[in-house]
Amino acid sequence: MTGTAWTFQPTADPDIRAMVVAELYRHTVDGRPAWKLRALGQGWADGLDGLARAYGVDVE
């Protein structure tokens, strides 16, 4: 695959203090491992505390 390009422009909201821009993970294609990249753009106004809670981390 040549010439492949992508663009991603996350929100410019000044209230967003933490953001997951993309996920990079291994995936199986035809029985062979391959890498996948998925653009997310999920943001949290309560910063890293909100991000951690979204992934199941208990934050005091």
C-alpha atoms as a PDB file:
ATOM      1  CA  MET A   1       0.000   0.000   0.000  1.00  0.00           C
ATOM      2  CA  THR A   2       1.665   3.222  -1.117  1.00  0.00           C
ATOM      3  CA  GLY A   3       0.498   6.796  -1.020  1.00  0.00           C
ATOM      4  CA  THR A   4      -1.821   6.207   1.928  1.00  0.00           C
ATOM      5  CA  ALA A   5      -2.432   9.315   4.029  1.00  0.00           C
ATOM      6  CA  TRP A   6      -4.897  10.406   6.657  1.00  0.00           C
ATOM      7  CA  THR A   7      -5.729  13.586   8.473  1.00  0.00           C
ATOM      8  CA  PHE A   8      -7.364  14.139  11.818  1.00  0.00           C
ATOM      9  CA  GLN A   9      -8.248  17.461  13.402  1.00  0.00           C
ATOM     10  CA  PRO A  10      -9.408  17.197  17.018  1.00  0.00           C
ATOM     11  CA  THR A  11     -11.693  19.798  18.511  1.00  0.00           C
ATOM     12  CA  ALA A  12     -10.207  23.135  19.520  1.00  0.00           C
ATOM     13  CA  ASP A  13     -12.388  23.302  22.672  1.00  0.00           C
ATOM     14  CA  PRO A  14     -10.342  25.084  25.379  1.00  0.00           C
ATOM     15  CA  ASP A  15     -12.243  23.182  28.122  1.00  0.00           C
ATOM     16  CA  ILE A  16     -10.741  19.837  27.044  1.00  0.00           C
ATOM     17  CA  ARG A  17      -7.781  19.076  29.324  1.00  0.00           C
ATOM     18  CA  ALA A  18      -6.992  15.482  28.268  1.00  0.00           C
ATOM     19  CA  MET A  19      -7.558  13.641  24.994  1.00  0.00           C
ATOM     20  CA  VAL A  20      -7.019  10.225  23.455  1.00  0.00           C
ATOM     21  CA  VAL A  21      -6.174  11.023  19.861  1.00  0.00           C
ATOM     22  CA  ALA A  22      -5.688   7.491  18.491  1.00  0.00           C
ATOM     23  CA  GLU A  23      -5.427   3.800  19.360  1.00  0.00           C
ATOM     24  CA  LEU A  24      -2.709   1.585  17.938  1.00  0.00           C
ATOM     25  CA  TYR A  25      -3.323  -2.136  18.345  1.00  0.00           C
ATOM     26  CA  ARG A  26      -2.569  -5.556  16.883  1.00  0.00           C
ATOM     27  CA  HIS A  27      -5.204  -7.242  14.787  1.00  0.00           C
ATOM     28  CA  THR A  28      -5.287 -10.576  12.958  1.00  0.00           C
ATOM     29  CA  VAL A  29      -5.869 -10.591   9.194  1.00  0.00           C
ATOM     30  CA  ASP A  30      -6.053 -13.978   7.451  1.00  0.00           C
ATOM     31  CA  GLY A  31      -4.357 -15.592  10.449  1.00  0.00           C
ATOM     32  CA  ARG A  32      -1.439 -13.144  10.394  1.00  0.00           C
ATOM     33  CA  PRO A  33      -0.809 -10.326  12.884  1.00  0.00           C
ATOM     34  CA  ALA A  34      -1.147  -6.771  11.590  1.00  0.00           C
ATOM     35  CA  TRP A  35      -1.211  -3.321  13.164  1.00  0.00           C
ATOM     36  CA  LYS A  36      -4.301  -1.104  13.098  1.00  0.00           C
ATOM     37  CA  LEU A  37      -4.589   2.593  13.866  1.00  0.00           C
ATOM     38  CA  ARG A  38      -7.941   4.093  14.792  1.00  0.00           C
ATOM     39  CA  ALA A  39      -8.517   7.839  15.203  1.00  0.00           C
ATOM     40  CA  LEU A  40     -10.632   8.621  18.272  1.00  0.00           C
ATOM     41  CA  GLY A  41     -10.573  12.259  19.377  1.00  0.00           C
ATOM     42  CA  GLN A  42     -12.254  11.547  22.734  1.00  0.00           C
ATOM     43  CA  GLY A  43     -11.668  14.368  25.226  1.00  0.00           C
ATOM     44  CA  TRP A  44     -12.285  15.004  28.930  1.00  0.00           C
ATOM     45  CA  ALA A  45     -12.807  18.393  30.567  1.00  0.00           C
ATOM     46  CA  ASP A  46     -11.764  16.954  33.954  1.00  0.00           C
ATOM     47  CA  GLY A  47      -8.312  16.052  32.608  1.00  0.00           C
ATOM     48  CA  LEU A  48      -6.417  12.870  33.320  1.00  0.00           C
ATOM     49  CA  ASP A  49      -8.810  12.011  36.174  1.00  0.00           C
ATOM     50  CA  GLY A  50     -11.676  11.718  33.683  1.00  0.00           C
ATOM     51  CA  LEU A  51      -9.580   9.760  31.203  1.00  0.00           C
ATOM     52  CA  ALA A  52      -8.470   7.321  33.922  1.00  0.00           C
ATOM     53  CA  ARG A  53     -12.062   6.816  35.140  1.00  0.00           C
ATOM     54  CA  ALA A  54     -13.187   6.114  31.555  1.00  0.00           C
ATOM     55  CA  TYR A  55     -10.716   3.206  31.477  1.00  0.00           C
ATOM     56  CA  GLY A  56     -11.806   1.844  34.866  1.00  0.00           C
ATOM     57  CA  VAL A  57      -9.115   3.348  37.095  1.00  0.00           C
ATOM     58  CA  ASP A  58     -10.276   4.372  40.588  1.00  0.00           C
ATOM     59  CA  VAL A  59      -9.185   7.988  41.149  1.00  0.00           C
ATOM     60  CA  GLU A  60      -9.510   9.617  44.559  1.00  0.00           C
END
